[in-house]
C-alpha atoms as a PDB file:
ATOM      1  CA  MET A   1     -30.192 -30.423  -7.159  1.00  0.00           C
ATOM      2  CA  ASN A   2     -27.646 -30.230  -9.963  1.00  0.00           C
ATOM      3  CA  ASN A   3     -27.225 -26.481  -9.310  1.00  0.00           C
ATOM      4  CA  GLY A   4     -26.296 -27.221  -5.684  1.00  0.00           C
ATOM      5  CA  ARG A   5     -23.575 -29.637  -6.787  1.00  0.00           C
ATOM      6  CA  CYS A   6     -22.284 -27.125  -9.321  1.00  0.00           C
ATOM      7  CA  SER A   7     -22.090 -24.434  -6.634  1.00  0.00           C
ATOM      8  CA  ILE A   8     -20.234 -26.756  -4.274  1.00  0.00           C
ATOM      9  CA  LYS A   9     -17.768 -27.616  -7.052  1.00  0.00           C
ATOM     10  CA  ARG A  10     -17.181 -23.913  -7.720  1.00  0.00           C
ATOM     11  CA  ILE A  11     -16.601 -23.245  -4.035  1.00  0.00           C
ATOM     12  CA  LEU A  12     -14.154 -26.156  -3.772  1.00  0.00           C
ATOM     13  CA  VAL A  13     -12.264 -24.969  -6.857  1.00  0.00           C
ATOM     14  CA  ALA A  14     -12.043 -21.466  -5.365  1.00  0.00           C
ATOM     15  CA  VAL A  15     -10.808 -22.845  -2.021  1.00  0.00           C
ATOM     16  CA  PHE A  16      -8.147 -24.989  -3.699  1.00  0.00           C
ATOM     17  CA  ALA A  17      -7.061 -22.047  -5.856  1.00  0.00           C
ATOM     18  CA  LEU A  18      -6.651 -19.872  -2.757  1.00  0.00           C
ATOM     19  CA  MET A  19      -4.715 -22.615  -0.972  1.00  0.00           C
ATOM     20  CA  TRP A  20      -2.421 -23.059  -3.979  1.00  0.00           C
ATOM     21  CA  SER A  21      -1.884 -19.297  -4.237  1.00  0.00           C
ATOM     22  CA  ALA A  22      -1.004 -19.000  -0.536  1.00  0.00           C
ATOM     23  CA  THR A  23       1.397 -21.952  -0.810  1.00  0.00           C
ATOM     24  CA  ALA A  24       3.059 -20.476  -3.900  1.00  0.00           C
ATOM     25  CA  GLN A  25       3.465 -17.122  -2.157  1.00  0.00           C
ATOM     26  CA  ALA A  26       4.934 -18.774   0.933  1.00  0.00           C
ATOM     27  CA  GLN A  27       7.425 -20.694  -1.213  1.00  0.00           C
ATOM     28  CA  ASN A  28       8.475 -17.448  -2.941  1.00  0.00           C
ATOM     29  CA  ALA A  29       8.723 -15.513   0.335  1.00  0.00           C
ATOM     30  CA  VAL A  30      12.048 -13.822   1.028  1.00  0.00           C
ATOM     31  CA  PRO A  31      13.156 -13.811   4.677  1.00  0.00           C
ATOM     32  CA  VAL A  32      13.696 -10.298   6.065  1.00  0.00           C
ATOM     33  CA  THR A  33      17.261  -9.756   7.252  1.00  0.00           C
ATOM     34  CA  VAL A  34      19.370  -6.822   8.377  1.00  0.00           C
ATOM     35  CA  ASP A  35      20.531  -6.437   4.764  1.00  0.00           C
ATOM     36  CA  ASN A  36      17.067  -6.178   3.187  1.00  0.00           C
ATOM     37  CA  PHE A  37      15.025  -4.695   6.054  1.00  0.00           C
ATOM     38  CA  VAL A  38      14.814  -1.178   4.588  1.00  0.00           C
ATOM     39  CA  ARG A  39      13.422  -2.526   1.302  1.00  0.00           C
ATOM     40  CA  ALA A  40      11.007  -4.885   3.084  1.00  0.00           C
ATOM     41  CA  GLU A  41       9.701  -2.093   5.325  1.00  0.00           C
ATOM     42  CA  SER A  42       9.280   0.247   2.334  1.00  0.00           C
ATOM     43  CA  ASP A  43       7.399  -2.468   0.445  1.00  0.00           C
ATOM     44  CA  ARG A  44       5.136  -2.985   3.463  1.00  0.00           C
ATOM     45  CA  TYR A  45       4.317   0.736   3.697  1.00  0.00           C
ATOM     46  CA  PHE A  46       3.695   0.990  -0.069  1.00  0.00           C
ATOM     47  CA  ALA A  47       1.426  -2.086  -0.029  1.00  0.00           C
ATOM     48  CA  ARG A  48      -0.585  -0.765   2.927  1.00  0.00           C
ATOM     49  CA  PHE A  49      -0.948   2.657   1.292  1.00  0.00           C
ATOM     50  CA  LEU A  50      -2.179   1.108  -1.960  1.00  0.00           C
ATOM     51  CA  GLN A  51      -4.587  -1.213  -0.133  1.00  0.00           C
ATOM     52  CA  GLU A  52      -6.060   1.661   1.882  1.00  0.00           C
ATOM     53  CA  ASN A  53      -6.361   3.922  -1.169  1.00  0.00           C
ATOM     54  CA  GLY A  54      -7.811   1.616  -3.799  1.00  0.00           C
ATOM     55  CA  ASP A  55      -4.577   0.434  -5.473  1.00  0.00           C
ATOM     56  CA  GLN A  56      -4.205   3.779  -7.227  1.00  0.00           C
ATOM     57  CA  LEU A  57      -0.633   4.219  -8.468  1.00  0.00           C
ATOM     58  CA  GLY A  58       0.314   7.791  -9.262  1.00  0.00           C
ATOM     59  CA  LYS A  59      -2.616   9.382  -7.449  1.00  0.00           C
ATOM     60  CA  PHE A  60      -2.110  11.544  -4.376  1.00  0.00           C
ATOM     61  CA  HIS A  61      -4.056  10.925  -1.190  1.00  0.00           C
ATOM     62  CA  HIS A  62      -4.412  13.995   1.033  1.00  0.00           C
ATOM     63  CA  GLU A  63      -4.870  13.736   4.800  1.00  0.00           C
ATOM     64  CA  ARG A  64      -7.178  16.589   5.778  1.00  0.00           C
ATOM     65  CA  ASP A  65      -6.735  16.122   9.537  1.00  0.00           C
ATOM     66  CA  ILE A  66      -3.756  15.806  11.866  1.00  0.00           C
ATOM     67  CA  ALA A  67      -2.949  12.148  12.667  1.00  0.00           C
ATOM     68  CA  SER A  68      -4.340  10.996  15.998  1.00  0.00           C
ATOM     69  CA  VAL A  69      -1.998   9.578  18.622  1.00  0.00           C
ATOM     70  CA  ASP A  70      -3.518   6.088  18.356  1.00  0.00           C
ATOM     71  CA  ASN A  71      -3.627   5.922  14.548  1.00  0.00           C
ATOM     72  CA  GLN A  72      -0.354   7.002  12.952  1.00  0.00           C
ATOM     73  CA  PRO A  73       0.542   5.685   9.497  1.00  0.00           C
ATOM     74  CA  VAL A  74       4.281   5.813  10.197  1.00  0.00           C
ATOM     75  CA  ILE A  75       6.436   5.513  13.288  1.00  0.00           C
ATOM     76  CA  ARG A  76       6.788   8.866  15.067  1.00  0.00           C
ATOM     77  CA  ASN A  77       4.474  10.640  12.683  1.00  0.00           C
ATOM     78  CA  ASN A  78       4.885  14.424  12.545  1.00  0.00           C
ATOM     79  CA  ARG A  79       1.621  15.468  14.187  1.00  0.00           C
ATOM     80  CA  ASP A  80       1.718  19.188  13.456  1.00  0.00           C
ATOM     81  CA  VAL A  81       1.462  19.039   9.659  1.00  0.00           C
ATOM     82  CA  LEU A  82      -1.002  17.823   7.053  1.00  0.00           C
ATOM     83  CA  LEU A  83       0.353  15.096   4.784  1.00  0.00           C
ATOM     84  CA  SER A  84      -0.134  14.016   1.196  1.00  0.00           C
ATOM     85  CA  SER A  85       1.170  10.706  -0.133  1.00  0.00           C
ATOM     86  CA  ALA A  86       1.426   8.833  -3.425  1.00  0.00           C
ATOM     87  CA  VAL A  87       3.136   5.722  -4.742  1.00  0.00           C
ATOM     88  CA  LEU A  88       4.630   6.373  -8.173  1.00  0.00           C
ATOM     89  CA  ASP A  89       5.733   3.737 -10.706  1.00  0.00           C
ATOM     90  CA  LEU A  90       8.944   5.231 -12.079  1.00  0.00           C
ATOM     91  CA  ASP A  91       9.418   2.219 -14.388  1.00  0.00           C
ATOM     92  CA  ALA A  92       6.381   3.529 -16.283  1.00  0.00           C
ATOM     93  CA  GLY A  93       8.150   6.853 -16.945  1.00  0.00           C
ATOM     94  CA  ALA A  94       9.478   9.960 -15.295  1.00  0.00           C
ATOM     95  CA  ALA A  95       7.340  11.820 -12.783  1.00  0.00           C
ATOM     96  CA  THR A  96       7.187  15.567 -12.275  1.00  0.00           C
ATOM     97  CA  ILE A  97       5.588  17.040  -9.184  1.00  0.00           C
ATOM     98  CA  THR A  98       4.791  20.737  -9.180  1.00  0.00           C
ATOM     99  CA  LEU A  99       4.131  22.350  -5.818  1.00  0.00           C
ATOM    100  CA  PRO A 100       1.833  25.369  -5.516  1.00  0.00           C
ATOM    101  CA  ASP A 101       3.152  28.628  -4.112  1.00  0.00           C
ATOM    102  CA  PRO A 102       2.852  28.169  -0.323  1.00  0.00           C
ATOM    103  CA  GLY A 103       2.809  31.883   0.388  1.00  0.00           C
ATOM    104  CA  LYS A 104       4.205  32.355   3.891  1.00  0.00           C
ATOM    105  CA  ARG A 105       3.492  28.753   4.910  1.00  0.00           C
ATOM    106  CA  PHE A 106       6.107  25.997   5.116  1.00  0.00           C
ATOM    107  CA  MET A 107       5.964  23.246   2.479  1.00  0.00           C
ATOM    108  CA  SER A 108       8.354  20.408   1.696  1.00  0.00           C
ATOM    109  CA  ILE A 109       8.459  17.272  -0.432  1.00  0.00           C
ATOM    110  CA  LEU A 110      10.414  14.072   0.147  1.00  0.00           C
END
C-alpha cells in the first residue's frame, strides 16, 4: 500500500511541475506584433522542424518526395523540387555548406 501512495505522490509532483512550467512559460511569453512577426514566424518554423526531426541541430533532413497539396511545410511550397532543410546554431561557430556538382540540374541554397 505504501508503494501506491509513493506513486500517487510522484504523479502529483509531476503534475504540479508541469503546471508551474506552463505558468512560467506563459508569464515569459512575448506577444506577437507587426514589429516582431517575422522573428516569431521563423522561430515557429524552426521549432516545428526540430520537433519533427528529433531536435537535431546542424543535421540536414532530406525530403525524398514532392510535397503533397494537403501537407506543405511552408506556405506556397514549391511543389516541383525536392527540398533539404537544417537548423544551424551559428553561435556555436561558423558553418560551411558544400554543394555537390549538380551536373545539368538546377540547384540552389538559401
